[in-house]
C-alpha atoms as a PDB file:
ATOM      1  CA  UNK A   1     126.525 219.272  54.439  1.00  0.00           C
ATOM      2  CA  UNK A   2     124.049 218.328  51.698  1.00  0.00           C
ATOM      3  CA  UNK A   3     125.220 217.760  48.170  1.00  0.00           C
ATOM      4  CA  UNK A   4     124.518 220.777  45.940  1.00  0.00           C
ATOM      5  CA  UNK A   5     121.448 220.494  43.773  1.00  0.00           C
ATOM      6  CA  UNK A   6     123.373 220.774  40.466  1.00  0.00           C
ATOM      7  CA  UNK A   7     125.679 217.884  41.450  1.00  0.00           C
ATOM      8  CA  UNK A   8     122.689 215.645  42.092  1.00  0.00           C
ATOM      9  CA  UNK A   9     121.236 216.602  38.697  1.00  0.00           C
ATOM     10  CA  UNK A  10     124.539 215.869  36.941  1.00  0.00           C
ATOM     11  CA  UNK A  11     124.858 212.522  38.762  1.00  0.00           C
ATOM     12  CA  UNK A  12     121.297 211.623  37.755  1.00  0.00           C
ATOM     13  CA  UNK A  13     121.952 212.524  34.103  1.00  0.00           C
ATOM     14  CA  UNK A  14     125.228 210.628  34.231  1.00  0.00           C
ATOM     15  CA  UNK A  15     123.491 207.466  35.481  1.00  0.00           C
ATOM     16  CA  UNK A  16     120.933 207.833  32.714  1.00  0.00           C
ATOM     17  CA  UNK A  17     123.640 208.239  30.084  1.00  0.00           C
ATOM     18  CA  UNK A  18     125.444 205.130  31.358  1.00  0.00           C
ATOM     19  CA  UNK A  19     122.168 203.191  31.229  1.00  0.00           C
ATOM     20  CA  UNK A  20     121.429 204.311  27.651  1.00  0.00           C
ATOM     21  CA  UNK A  21     124.959 203.381  26.632  1.00  0.00           C
ATOM     22  CA  UNK A  22     124.525 200.012  28.363  1.00  0.00           C
ATOM     23  CA  UNK A  23     121.335 199.292  26.425  1.00  0.00           C
ATOM     24  CA  UNK A  24     123.065 200.304  23.189  1.00  0.00           C
ATOM     25  CA  UNK A  25     125.871 197.831  23.919  1.00  0.00           C
ATOM     26  CA  UNK A  26     123.352 195.092  24.782  1.00  0.00           C
ATOM     27  CA  UNK A  27     121.607 195.686  21.445  1.00  0.00           C
ATOM     28  CA  UNK A  28     124.946 195.543  19.596  1.00  0.00           C
ATOM     29  CA  UNK A  29     125.869 192.382  21.496  1.00  0.00           C
ATOM     30  CA  UNK A  30     122.658 190.624  20.547  1.00  0.00           C
ATOM     31  CA  UNK A  31     123.069 191.731  16.924  1.00  0.00           C
ATOM     32  CA  UNK A  32     126.603 190.339  17.114  1.00  0.00           C
ATOM     33  CA  UNK A  33     125.208 187.003  18.227  1.00  0.00           C
ATOM     34  CA  UNK A  34     123.407 186.835  14.886  1.00  0.00           C
ATOM     35  CA  UNK A  35     125.921 188.429  12.485  1.00  0.00           C
ATOM     36  CA  UNK A  36     129.304 186.801  11.867  1.00  0.00           C
ATOM     37  CA  UNK A  37     131.325 190.032  11.509  1.00  0.00           C
ATOM     38  CA  UNK A  38     130.032 191.625  14.727  1.00  0.00           C
ATOM     39  CA  UNK A  39     131.427 190.526  18.078  1.00  0.00           C
ATOM     40  CA  UNK A  40     129.090 189.698  20.940  1.00  0.00           C
ATOM     41  CA  UNK A  41     131.010 189.317  24.166  1.00  0.00           C
ATOM     42  CA  UNK A  42     132.925 192.608  24.067  1.00  0.00           C
ATOM     43  CA  UNK A  43     129.687 194.567  23.692  1.00  0.00           C
ATOM     44  CA  UNK A  44     128.126 192.677  26.600  1.00  0.00           C
ATOM     45  CA  UNK A  45     131.253 193.294  28.724  1.00  0.00           C
ATOM     46  CA  UNK A  46     130.953 197.010  27.932  1.00  0.00           C
ATOM     47  CA  UNK A  47     127.216 196.888  28.734  1.00  0.00           C
ATOM     48  CA  UNK A  48     127.916 195.285  32.120  1.00  0.00           C
ATOM     49  CA  UNK A  49     130.437 198.038  32.863  1.00  0.00           C
ATOM     50  CA  UNK A  50     127.917 200.725  31.938  1.00  0.00           C
ATOM     51  CA  UNK A  51     125.194 199.089  34.016  1.00  0.00           C
ATOM     52  CA  UNK A  52     127.598 198.865  36.975  1.00  0.00           C
ATOM     53  CA  UNK A  53     127.734 202.681  36.859  1.00  0.00           C
ATOM     54  CA  UNK A  54     124.013 203.179  36.358  1.00  0.00           C
ATOM     55  CA  UNK A  55     121.903 200.344  37.757  1.00  0.00           C
ATOM     56  CA  UNK A  56     122.992 197.396  39.901  1.00  0.00           C
ATOM     57  CA  UNK A  57     119.708 195.690  38.943  1.00  0.00           C
ATOM     58  CA  UNK A  58     120.523 195.844  35.207  1.00  0.00           C
ATOM     59  CA  UNK A  59     124.085 194.727  35.848  1.00  0.00           C
ATOM     60  CA  UNK A  60     122.798 191.740  37.837  1.00  0.00           C
ATOM     61  CA  UNK A  61     120.322 190.910  35.044  1.00  0.00           C
ATOM     62  CA  UNK A  62     123.160 190.763  32.521  1.00  0.00           C
ATOM     63  CA  UNK A  63     125.647 188.971  34.791  1.00  0.00           C
ATOM     64  CA  UNK A  64     122.977 186.407  35.760  1.00  0.00           C
ATOM     65  CA  UNK A  65     121.811 185.835  32.181  1.00  0.00           C
ATOM     66  CA  UNK A  66     121.713 182.050  31.575  1.00  0.00           C
ATOM     67  CA  UNK A  67     123.494 182.225  28.199  1.00  0.00           C
ATOM     68  CA  UNK A  68     125.946 185.121  28.553  1.00  0.00           C
ATOM     69  CA  UNK A  69     126.342 185.430  32.336  1.00  0.00           C
ATOM     70  CA  UNK A  70     129.034 182.778  32.909  1.00  0.00           C
ATOM     71  CA  UNK A  71     131.299 184.318  30.249  1.00  0.00           C
ATOM     72  CA  UNK A  72     130.766 187.818  31.625  1.00  0.00           C
ATOM     73  CA  UNK A  73     131.452 186.699  35.210  1.00  0.00           C
ATOM     74  CA  UNK A  74     134.639 184.894  34.131  1.00  0.00           C
ATOM     75  CA  UNK A  75     135.847 188.048  32.400  1.00  0.00           C
ATOM     76  CA  UNK A  76     134.855 190.353  35.274  1.00  0.00           C
ATOM     77  CA  UNK A  77     136.316 188.171  38.009  1.00  0.00           C
ATOM     78  CA  UNK A  78     139.485 186.817  36.383  1.00  0.00           C
ATOM     79  CA  UNK A  79     139.914 188.366  32.911  1.00  0.00           C
ATOM     80  CA  UNK A  80     139.677 184.930  31.284  1.00  0.00           C
ATOM     81  CA  UNK A  81     138.156 183.677  28.041  1.00  0.00           C
ATOM     82  CA  UNK A  82     137.312 180.002  27.636  1.00  0.00           C
ATOM     83  CA  UNK A  83     138.870 177.951  24.850  1.00  0.00           C
ATOM     84  CA  UNK A  84     135.549 177.326  23.128  1.00  0.00           C
ATOM     85  CA  UNK A  85     134.779 181.057  23.152  1.00  0.00           C
ATOM     86  CA  UNK A  86     138.215 181.814  21.690  1.00  0.00           C
ATOM     87  CA  UNK A  87     137.678 179.320  18.865  1.00  0.00           C
ATOM     88  CA  UNK A  88     134.167 180.603  18.158  1.00  0.00           C
ATOM     89  CA  UNK A  89     135.277 184.236  18.195  1.00  0.00           C
ATOM     90  CA  UNK A  90     138.197 183.638  15.849  1.00  0.00           C
ATOM     91  CA  UNK A  91     136.115 181.426  13.544  1.00  0.00           C
ATOM     92  CA  UNK A  92     133.441 184.115  13.439  1.00  0.00           C
ATOM     93  CA  UNK A  93     136.026 186.722  12.516  1.00  0.00           C
ATOM     94  CA  UNK A  94     137.420 184.519   9.733  1.00  0.00           C
ATOM     95  CA  UNK A  95     133.920 183.871   8.401  1.00  0.00           C
ATOM     96  CA  UNK A  96     133.024 187.555   8.659  1.00  0.00           C
ATOM     97  CA  UNK A  97     136.209 188.622   6.914  1.00  0.00           C
ATOM     98  CA  UNK A  98     135.633 186.057   4.151  1.00  0.00           C
ATOM     99  CA  UNK A  99     132.062 187.270   3.594  1.00  0.00           C
ATOM    100  CA  UNK A 100     133.271 190.878   3.646  1.00  0.00           C
ATOM    101  CA  UNK A 101     136.013 190.169   1.109  1.00  0.00           C
ATOM    102  CA  UNK A 102     133.781 188.088  -1.132  1.00  0.00           C
ATOM    103  CA  UNK A 103     130.745 190.368  -0.984  1.00  0.00           C
ATOM    104  CA  UNK A 104     132.323 193.829  -0.920  1.00  0.00           C
ATOM    105  CA  UNK A 105     135.411 193.268  -3.087  1.00  0.00           C
ATOM    106  CA  UNK A 106     137.230 195.983  -1.140  1.00  0.00           C
ATOM    107  CA  UNK A 107     140.199 197.976  -2.326  1.00  0.00           C
ATOM    108  CA  UNK A 108     143.582 196.703  -1.189  1.00  0.00           C
ATOM    109  CA  UNK A 109     143.855 199.432   1.446  1.00  0.00           C
ATOM    110  CA  UNK A 110     140.429 198.695   2.970  1.00  0.00           C
ATOM    111  CA  UNK A 111     141.121 194.961   2.757  1.00  0.00           C
ATOM    112  CA  UNK A 112     144.359 195.412   4.711  1.00  0.00           C
ATOM    113  CA  UNK A 113     142.796 197.723   7.292  1.00  0.00           C
ATOM    114  CA  UNK A 114     139.893 195.358   8.033  1.00  0.00           C
ATOM    115  CA  UNK A 115     142.227 192.345   8.056  1.00  0.00           C
ATOM    116  CA  UNK A 116     144.672 194.007  10.458  1.00  0.00           C
ATOM    117  CA  UNK A 117     141.907 195.174  12.798  1.00  0.00           C
ATOM    118  CA  UNK A 118     140.405 191.686  12.947  1.00  0.00           C
ATOM    119  CA  UNK A 119     143.864 190.142  13.391  1.00  0.00           C
ATOM    120  CA  UNK A 120     144.459 192.528  16.306  1.00  0.00           C
ATOM    121  CA  UNK A 121     141.174 191.512  17.925  1.00  0.00           C
ATOM    122  CA  UNK A 122     141.998 187.838  17.376  1.00  0.00           C
ATOM    123  CA  UNK A 123     145.462 188.291  18.910  1.00  0.00           C
ATOM    124  CA  UNK A 124     143.936 189.949  21.969  1.00  0.00           C
ATOM    125  CA  UNK A 125     141.403 187.149  22.381  1.00  0.00           C
ATOM    126  CA  UNK A 126     143.933 184.363  21.924  1.00  0.00           C
ATOM    127  CA  UNK A 127     146.376 185.858  24.435  1.00  0.00           C
ATOM    128  CA  UNK A 128     143.798 186.058  27.264  1.00  0.00           C
ATOM    129  CA  UNK A 129     144.221 183.331  29.860  1.00  0.00           C
ATOM    130  CA  UNK A 130     141.855 180.370  29.912  1.00  0.00           C
ATOM    131  CA  UNK A 131     139.817 179.535  33.010  1.00  0.00           C
ATOM    132  CA  UNK A 132     141.624 177.309  35.515  1.00  0.00           C
ATOM    133  CA  UNK A 133     140.490 173.777  36.079  1.00  0.00           C
ATOM    134  CA  UNK A 134     139.329 173.091  32.539  1.00  0.00           C
END
């Protein structure tokens, strides 16, 4: 029995929405590569997940990227984050928080919220296993 026409239309729109979301995450990831407060890898991991649901070609492009591909493959295959990436991520968060605090002079409440959120991200990153054999 053939799939109903409306299901095909919904599936097509769904793939398009996943692709748009994937491109949004790629853009945020590349911005994060330039700005100290924005993360990079998490947005690219999310982009790869979106592309996996929308376009195997786009997913392969991201996973095979010379700069970001090895990190994305390590996360996808084993859920690991390399030691250098952990140090860089945490250092970037410290630098970003310092620039935020110095430039914005936030209220105590906002200061605590941003600090706790970044500390939570750092704790998650630090507790991920490292790749074996390194």
